[in-house]
PDB file of N, CA and C in Angstrom:
ATOM      1  N   UNK A   1       0.978  -1.381  -0.056  1.00  0.00           N
ATOM      2  CA  UNK A   1      -0.098  -0.475   0.072  1.00  0.00           C
ATOM      3  C   UNK A   1       0.573   1.053  -0.337  1.00  0.00           C
ATOM      4  N   UNK A   2       0.298   1.985  -0.835  1.00  0.00           N
ATOM      5  CA  UNK A   2       1.313   3.441  -0.720  1.00  0.00           C
ATOM      6  C   UNK A   2       1.261   4.473   0.281  1.00  0.00           C
ATOM      7  N   UNK A   3       1.638   5.315   0.926  1.00  0.00           N
ATOM      8  CA  UNK A   3       1.544   6.283   1.848  1.00  0.00           C
ATOM      9  C   UNK A   3       0.568   7.044   1.364  1.00  0.00           C
ATOM     10  N   UNK A   4       0.694   7.241  -0.140  1.00  0.00           N
ATOM     11  CA  UNK A   4      -0.969   8.682  -0.519  1.00  0.00           C
ATOM     12  C   UNK A   4      -2.064   7.886  -0.371  1.00  0.00           C
ATOM     13  N   UNK A   5      -2.281   6.325  -0.587  1.00  0.00           N
ATOM     14  CA  UNK A   5      -3.878   5.775  -0.329  1.00  0.00           C
ATOM     15  C   UNK A   5      -3.782   6.045   1.009  1.00  0.00           C
ATOM     16  N   UNK A   6      -3.062   5.694   2.112  1.00  0.00           N
ATOM     17  CA  UNK A   6      -3.203   5.738   3.384  1.00  0.00           C
ATOM     18  C   UNK A   6      -3.449   6.857   3.943  1.00  0.00           C
ATOM     19  N   UNK A   7      -2.718   8.168   3.658  1.00  0.00           N
ATOM     20  CA  UNK A   7      -3.710   9.347   3.588  1.00  0.00           C
ATOM     21  C   UNK A   7      -4.531   8.974   3.140  1.00  0.00           C
ATOM     22  N   UNK A   8      -5.011   9.133   2.075  1.00  0.00           N
ATOM     23  CA  UNK A   8      -6.439   9.453   1.833  1.00  0.00           C
ATOM     24  C   UNK A   8      -7.345   9.251   2.770  1.00  0.00           C
ATOM     25  N   UNK A   9      -7.195   7.397   3.444  1.00  0.00           N
ATOM     26  CA  UNK A   9      -8.069   7.354   4.162  1.00  0.00           C
ATOM     27  C   UNK A   9      -8.509   7.923   5.629  1.00  0.00           C
ATOM     28  N   UNK A  10      -6.861   7.828   5.620  1.00  0.00           N
ATOM     29  CA  UNK A  10      -6.661   9.006   6.872  1.00  0.00           C
ATOM     30  C   UNK A  10      -7.787  10.237   6.964  1.00  0.00           C
ATOM     31  N   UNK A  11      -7.545  11.206   5.988  1.00  0.00           N
ATOM     32  CA  UNK A  11      -8.148  11.896   5.675  1.00  0.00           C
ATOM     33  C   UNK A  11      -9.528  12.051   5.488  1.00  0.00           C
ATOM     34  N   UNK A  12     -10.175  10.786   4.936  1.00  0.00           N
ATOM     35  CA  UNK A  12     -11.252  10.512   5.017  1.00  0.00           C
ATOM     36  C   UNK A  12     -11.938  10.179   6.943  1.00  0.00           C
ATOM     37  N   UNK A  13     -11.359   9.682   7.505  1.00  0.00           N
ATOM     38  CA  UNK A  13     -11.285   9.619   8.803  1.00  0.00           C
ATOM     39  C   UNK A  13     -11.200  10.877   9.645  1.00  0.00           C
ATOM     40  N   UNK A  14     -10.732  11.408   9.145  1.00  0.00           N
ATOM     41  CA  UNK A  14     -10.751  12.456  10.221  1.00  0.00           C
ATOM     42  C   UNK A  14     -11.881  13.377   9.554  1.00  0.00           C
ATOM     43  N   UNK A  15     -12.162  13.281   8.658  1.00  0.00           N
ATOM     44  CA  UNK A  15     -13.495  14.727   8.938  1.00  0.00           C
ATOM     45  C   UNK A  15     -14.530  13.832   8.798  1.00  0.00           C
ATOM     46  N   UNK A  16     -14.499  12.398   8.676  1.00  0.00           N
ATOM     47  CA  UNK A  16     -15.881  11.423   9.294  1.00  0.00           C
ATOM     48  C   UNK A  16     -15.857  12.440  10.734  1.00  0.00           C
ATOM     49  N   UNK A  17     -14.136  11.673  11.448  1.00  0.00           N
ATOM     50  CA  UNK A  17     -14.782  12.047  12.605  1.00  0.00           C
ATOM     51  C   UNK A  17     -14.872  13.574  13.535  1.00  0.00           C
ATOM     52  N   UNK A  18     -14.110  14.217  13.143  1.00  0.00           N
ATOM     53  CA  UNK A  18     -14.105  15.861  13.159  1.00  0.00           C
ATOM     54  C   UNK A  18     -14.314  16.584  12.628  1.00  0.00           C
ATOM     55  N   UNK A  19     -15.059  15.783  11.431  1.00  0.00           N
ATOM     56  CA  UNK A  19     -15.823  17.015  10.482  1.00  0.00           C
ATOM     57  C   UNK A  19     -14.519  18.182  10.168  1.00  0.00           C
ATOM     58  N   UNK A  20     -13.380  17.750   9.636  1.00  0.00           N
ATOM     59  CA  UNK A  20     -12.322  18.296   9.419  1.00  0.00           C
ATOM     60  C   UNK A  20     -11.638  17.852   8.176  1.00  0.00           C
ATOM     61  N   UNK A  21     -10.778  19.212   7.552  1.00  0.00           N
ATOM     62  CA  UNK A  21     -10.556  18.912   6.090  1.00  0.00           C
ATOM     63  C   UNK A  21      -8.667  19.295   6.141  1.00  0.00           C
ATOM     64  N   UNK A  22      -7.745  17.905   6.507  1.00  0.00           N
ATOM     65  CA  UNK A  22      -6.945  18.681   7.062  1.00  0.00           C
ATOM     66  C   UNK A  22      -5.830  17.976   5.769  1.00  0.00           C
ATOM     67  N   UNK A  23      -4.950  18.820   5.781  1.00  0.00           N
ATOM     68  CA  UNK A  23      -3.543  18.138   5.043  1.00  0.00           C
ATOM     69  C   UNK A  23      -2.922  17.427   5.304  1.00  0.00           C
ATOM     70  N   UNK A  24      -2.192  16.428   4.352  1.00  0.00           N
ATOM     71  CA  UNK A  24      -0.966  15.511   5.278  1.00  0.00           C
ATOM     72  C   UNK A  24      -0.282  16.025   6.401  1.00  0.00           C
ATOM     73  N   UNK A  25       0.408  17.236   6.344  1.00  0.00           N
ATOM     74  CA  UNK A  25       0.831  18.158   7.412  1.00  0.00           C
ATOM     75  C   UNK A  25       0.554  19.258   8.458  1.00  0.00           C
ATOM     76  N   UNK A  26      -0.912  19.206   8.031  1.00  0.00           N
ATOM     77  CA  UNK A  26      -1.673  20.007   9.040  1.00  0.00           C
ATOM     78  C   UNK A  26      -1.744  19.641  10.295  1.00  0.00           C
ATOM     79  N   UNK A  27      -1.412  20.285  11.440  1.00  0.00           N
ATOM     80  CA  UNK A  27      -1.067  19.935  13.167  1.00  0.00           C
ATOM     81  C   UNK A  27      -2.490  19.865  13.183  1.00  0.00           C
ATOM     82  N   UNK A  28      -2.270  18.421  13.933  1.00  0.00           N
ATOM     83  CA  UNK A  28      -3.929  18.176  14.821  1.00  0.00           C
ATOM     84  C   UNK A  28      -4.192  19.165  15.895  1.00  0.00           C
ATOM     85  N   UNK A  29      -3.145  19.532  16.537  1.00  0.00           N
ATOM     86  CA  UNK A  29      -3.680  20.390  17.621  1.00  0.00           C
ATOM     87  C   UNK A  29      -4.145  21.543  17.108  1.00  0.00           C
ATOM     88  N   UNK A  30      -2.998  22.560  16.365  1.00  0.00           N
ATOM     89  CA  UNK A  30      -3.449  23.558  15.397  1.00  0.00           C
ATOM     90  C   UNK A  30      -5.047  23.761  14.738  1.00  0.00           C
ATOM     91  N   UNK A  31      -5.267  22.690  14.857  1.00  0.00           N
ATOM     92  CA  UNK A  31      -6.735  22.082  13.980  1.00  0.00           C
ATOM     93  C   UNK A  31      -7.557  22.505  14.978  1.00  0.00           C
ATOM     94  N   UNK A  32      -7.259  22.048  16.088  1.00  0.00           N
ATOM     95  CA  UNK A  32      -8.272  22.011  17.568  1.00  0.00           C
ATOM     96  C   UNK A  32      -8.306  20.538  17.942  1.00  0.00           C
ATOM     97  N   UNK A  33      -7.671  19.599  17.727  1.00  0.00           N
ATOM     98  CA  UNK A  33      -7.664  17.790  18.172  1.00  0.00           C
ATOM     99  C   UNK A  33      -7.150  18.117  19.050  1.00  0.00           C
ATOM    100  N   UNK A  34      -7.623  17.670  19.971  1.00  0.00           N
ATOM    101  CA  UNK A  34      -6.706  16.994  21.740  1.00  0.00           C
ATOM    102  C   UNK A  34      -6.431  15.748  21.339  1.00  0.00           C
ATOM    103  N   UNK A  35      -5.684  14.784  22.486  1.00  0.00           N
ATOM    104  CA  UNK A  35      -4.809  13.846  22.942  1.00  0.00           C
ATOM    105  C   UNK A  35      -6.038  12.742  22.417  1.00  0.00           C
ATOM    106  N   UNK A  36      -6.932  13.045  23.457  1.00  0.00           N
ATOM    107  CA  UNK A  36      -8.193  12.014  22.906  1.00  0.00           C
ATOM    108  C   UNK A  36      -9.164  11.865  21.524  1.00  0.00           C
ATOM    109  N   UNK A  37      -8.778  13.488  20.863  1.00  0.00           N
ATOM    110  CA  UNK A  37      -9.325  12.698  19.349  1.00  0.00           C
ATOM    111  C   UNK A  37      -8.305  12.073  18.860  1.00  0.00           C
ATOM    112  N   UNK A  38      -7.084  12.197  18.847  1.00  0.00           N
ATOM    113  CA  UNK A  38      -6.194  11.763  18.344  1.00  0.00           C
ATOM    114  C   UNK A  38      -5.741  10.066  18.465  1.00  0.00           C
ATOM    115  N   UNK A  39      -6.519   9.884  19.997  1.00  0.00           N
ATOM    116  CA  UNK A  39      -6.783   8.210  19.939  1.00  0.00           C
ATOM    117  C   UNK A  39      -7.997   7.771  19.684  1.00  0.00           C
ATOM    118  N   UNK A  40      -9.134   8.495  19.478  1.00  0.00           N
ATOM    119  CA  UNK A  40     -10.308   7.943  18.561  1.00  0.00           C
ATOM    120  C   UNK A  40      -9.433   8.176  17.174  1.00  0.00           C
ATOM    121  N   UNK A  41      -8.797   8.662  16.657  1.00  0.00           N
ATOM    122  CA  UNK A  41      -8.732   8.791  15.363  1.00  0.00           C
ATOM    123  C   UNK A  41      -7.514   7.175  15.375  1.00  0.00           C
ATOM    124  N   UNK A  42      -6.635   7.411  16.007  1.00  0.00           N
ATOM    125  CA  UNK A  42      -5.813   5.827  16.012  1.00  0.00           C
ATOM    126  C   UNK A  42      -6.815   5.067  16.153  1.00  0.00           C
ATOM    127  N   UNK A  43      -8.120   4.850  16.797  1.00  0.00           N
ATOM    128  CA  UNK A  43      -8.829   3.539  17.033  1.00  0.00           C
ATOM    129  C   UNK A  43      -9.397   3.431  15.761  1.00  0.00           C
ATOM    130  N   UNK A  44     -10.014   4.244  14.580  1.00  0.00           N
ATOM    131  CA  UNK A  44     -10.344   4.065  13.118  1.00  0.00           C
ATOM    132  C   UNK A  44      -9.638   3.554  12.541  1.00  0.00           C
ATOM    133  N   UNK A  45      -7.927   3.594  12.678  1.00  0.00           N
ATOM    134  CA  UNK A  45      -7.154   3.602  11.642  1.00  0.00           C
ATOM    135  C   UNK A  45      -7.116   2.161  12.597  1.00  0.00           C
ATOM    136  N   UNK A  46      -7.059   2.024  13.103  1.00  0.00           N
ATOM    137  CA  UNK A  46      -6.509  -0.171  13.783  1.00  0.00           C
ATOM    138  C   UNK A  46      -7.851  -0.882  13.216  1.00  0.00           C
ATOM    139  N   UNK A  47      -8.675  -0.053  13.266  1.00  0.00           N
ATOM    140  CA  UNK A  47     -10.106  -0.417  12.741  1.00  0.00           C
ATOM    141  C   UNK A  47     -10.086  -0.883  11.396  1.00  0.00           C
ATOM    142  N   UNK A  48      -9.511  -0.130  11.072  1.00  0.00           N
ATOM    143  CA  UNK A  48      -9.778   0.151   9.267  1.00  0.00           C
ATOM    144  C   UNK A  48      -8.831  -0.481   8.621  1.00  0.00           C
ATOM    145  N   UNK A  49      -7.254  -0.680   9.315  1.00  0.00           N
ATOM    146  CA  UNK A  49      -5.950  -1.587   8.731  1.00  0.00           C
ATOM    147  C   UNK A  49      -6.721  -2.754   9.313  1.00  0.00           C
ATOM    148  N   UNK A  50      -6.836  -2.724  10.503  1.00  0.00           N
ATOM    149  CA  UNK A  50      -6.350  -4.030  11.256  1.00  0.00           C
ATOM    150  C   UNK A  50      -5.350  -4.373  12.329  1.00  0.00           C
ATOM    151  N   UNK A  51      -4.670  -3.319  12.629  1.00  0.00           N
ATOM    152  CA  UNK A  51      -3.831  -3.108  13.238  1.00  0.00           C
ATOM    153  C   UNK A  51      -3.365  -2.618  14.933  1.00  0.00           C
ATOM    154  N   UNK A  52      -3.107  -2.321  15.683  1.00  0.00           N
ATOM    155  CA  UNK A  52      -2.691  -2.253  16.688  1.00  0.00           C
ATOM    156  C   UNK A  52      -1.712  -0.965  17.023  1.00  0.00           C
ATOM    157  N   UNK A  53      -2.010  -0.079  17.680  1.00  0.00           N
ATOM    158  CA  UNK A  53      -1.500   1.017  17.701  1.00  0.00           C
ATOM    159  C   UNK A  53      -1.427   1.499  19.209  1.00  0.00           C
ATOM    160  N   UNK A  54      -0.425   1.746  19.468  1.00  0.00           N
ATOM    161  CA  UNK A  54      -0.384   2.251  21.140  1.00  0.00           C
ATOM    162  C   UNK A  54      -0.553   3.212  21.681  1.00  0.00           C
ATOM    163  N   UNK A  55      -1.684   3.838  23.049  1.00  0.00           N
ATOM    164  CA  UNK A  55      -2.318   5.258  22.983  1.00  0.00           C
ATOM    165  C   UNK A  55      -0.466   5.721  23.604  1.00  0.00           C
ATOM    166  N   UNK A  56       0.438   5.612  23.656  1.00  0.00           N
ATOM    167  CA  UNK A  56       1.514   6.780  23.899  1.00  0.00           C
ATOM    168  C   UNK A  56       2.160   7.404  21.820  1.00  0.00           C
ATOM    169  N   UNK A  57       2.123   6.008  21.453  1.00  0.00           N
ATOM    170  CA  UNK A  57       2.102   6.426  19.883  1.00  0.00           C
ATOM    171  C   UNK A  57       1.064   7.501  18.912  1.00  0.00           C
ATOM    172  N   UNK A  58      -0.358   6.939  19.362  1.00  0.00           N
ATOM    173  CA  UNK A  58      -1.282   8.065  19.440  1.00  0.00           C
ATOM    174  C   UNK A  58      -1.000   9.439  19.959  1.00  0.00           C
ATOM    175  N   UNK A  59      -0.448   9.421  20.681  1.00  0.00           N
ATOM    176  CA  UNK A  59      -0.128  10.890  21.374  1.00  0.00           C
ATOM    177  C   UNK A  59       0.840  11.477  21.116  1.00  0.00           C
ATOM    178  N   UNK A  60       1.770  10.808  20.735  1.00  0.00           N
ATOM    179  CA  UNK A  60       2.766  10.772  19.659  1.00  0.00           C
ATOM    180  C   UNK A  60       2.985  11.335  18.469  1.00  0.00           C
ATOM    181  N   UNK A  61       1.798  11.115  17.500  1.00  0.00           N
ATOM    182  CA  UNK A  61       1.701  11.524  16.411  1.00  0.00           C
ATOM    183  C   UNK A  61       0.758  13.094  15.962  1.00  0.00           C
ATOM    184  N   UNK A  62       1.549  13.854  15.277  1.00  0.00           N
ATOM    185  CA  UNK A  62       0.827  15.443  15.436  1.00  0.00           C
ATOM    186  C   UNK A  62       0.108  15.880  13.992  1.00  0.00           C
ATOM    187  N   UNK A  63       0.310  14.934  12.954  1.00  0.00           N
ATOM    188  CA  UNK A  63      -0.401  15.084  11.727  1.00  0.00           C
ATOM    189  C   UNK A  63      -0.723  14.027  10.670  1.00  0.00           C
ATOM    190  N   UNK A  64      -1.450  13.910   9.893  1.00  0.00           N
ATOM    191  CA  UNK A  64      -1.801  13.314   9.436  1.00  0.00           C
ATOM    192  C   UNK A  64      -0.709  12.247   7.972  1.00  0.00           C
ATOM    193  N   UNK A  65       0.111  12.892   8.121  1.00  0.00           N
ATOM    194  CA  UNK A  65       1.642  12.137   7.443  1.00  0.00           C
ATOM    195  C   UNK A  65       2.158  11.220   8.245  1.00  0.00           C
ATOM    196  N   UNK A  66       2.505  11.674  10.057  1.00  0.00           N
ATOM    197  CA  UNK A  66       3.233  11.106  10.666  1.00  0.00           C
ATOM    198  C   UNK A  66       1.783   9.456  11.383  1.00  0.00           C
ATOM    199  N   UNK A  67       0.711  10.022  11.266  1.00  0.00           N
ATOM    200  CA  UNK A  67      -0.188   8.463  11.349  1.00  0.00           C
ATOM    201  C   UNK A  67       0.033   7.369   9.809  1.00  0.00           C
ATOM    202  N   UNK A  68       0.077   7.934   8.922  1.00  0.00           N
ATOM    203  CA  UNK A  68      -0.071   7.176   7.619  1.00  0.00           C
ATOM    204  C   UNK A  68       1.832   6.727   7.901  1.00  0.00           C
ATOM    205  N   UNK A  69       2.211   7.176   7.862  1.00  0.00           N
ATOM    206  CA  UNK A  69       4.024   6.982   8.119  1.00  0.00           C
ATOM    207  C   UNK A  69       3.917   5.452   9.403  1.00  0.00           C
ATOM    208  N   UNK A  70       3.345   5.960  10.465  1.00  0.00           N
ATOM    209  CA  UNK A  70       2.737   4.451  11.780  1.00  0.00           C
ATOM    210  C   UNK A  70       2.204   3.519  10.971  1.00  0.00           C
ATOM    211  N   UNK A  71       0.915   3.354  10.478  1.00  0.00           N
ATOM    212  CA  UNK A  71       0.262   3.072   9.717  1.00  0.00           C
ATOM    213  C   UNK A  71       0.984   1.520   8.637  1.00  0.00           C
ATOM    214  N   UNK A  72       1.298   2.717   7.933  1.00  0.00           N
ATOM    215  CA  UNK A  72       2.935   1.825   7.022  1.00  0.00           C
ATOM    216  C   UNK A  72       3.969   0.874   8.141  1.00  0.00           C
ATOM    217  N   UNK A  73       4.252   1.390   8.637  1.00  0.00           N
ATOM    218  CA  UNK A  73       5.030   0.776   9.425  1.00  0.00           C
ATOM    219  C   UNK A  73       4.302  -0.642  10.180  1.00  0.00           C
ATOM    220  N   UNK A  74       3.285  -0.146  10.546  1.00  0.00           N
ATOM    221  CA  UNK A  74       2.228  -1.555  11.224  1.00  0.00           C
ATOM    222  C   UNK A  74       2.403  -2.479  10.686  1.00  0.00           C
ATOM    223  N   UNK A  75       1.813  -1.981   9.150  1.00  0.00           N
ATOM    224  CA  UNK A  75       1.593  -2.882   8.056  1.00  0.00           C
ATOM    225  C   UNK A  75       2.699  -3.568   7.826  1.00  0.00           C
ATOM    226  N   UNK A  76       3.882  -3.370   7.512  1.00  0.00           N
ATOM    227  CA  UNK A  76       5.098  -4.093   7.558  1.00  0.00           C
ATOM    228  C   UNK A  76       5.334  -4.154   6.391  1.00  0.00           C
TER     229      UNK A  76
END
């Protein structure tokens, strides 16, 4: 799976969960998302991609690009 494809899926999850349209590099915090929102987004990614993301990993992700990299790492 290519990063661009993962980014598009994650952007869809953000739009669905937070009603936000974010670019790959847009900061979650600067767009009003708190750590709970980030964890919920990561839970959505876990479900969609059938992976496991630790809460600590979820809290350290600052944007969709970083989350996409984490998802790709988990997918191996």
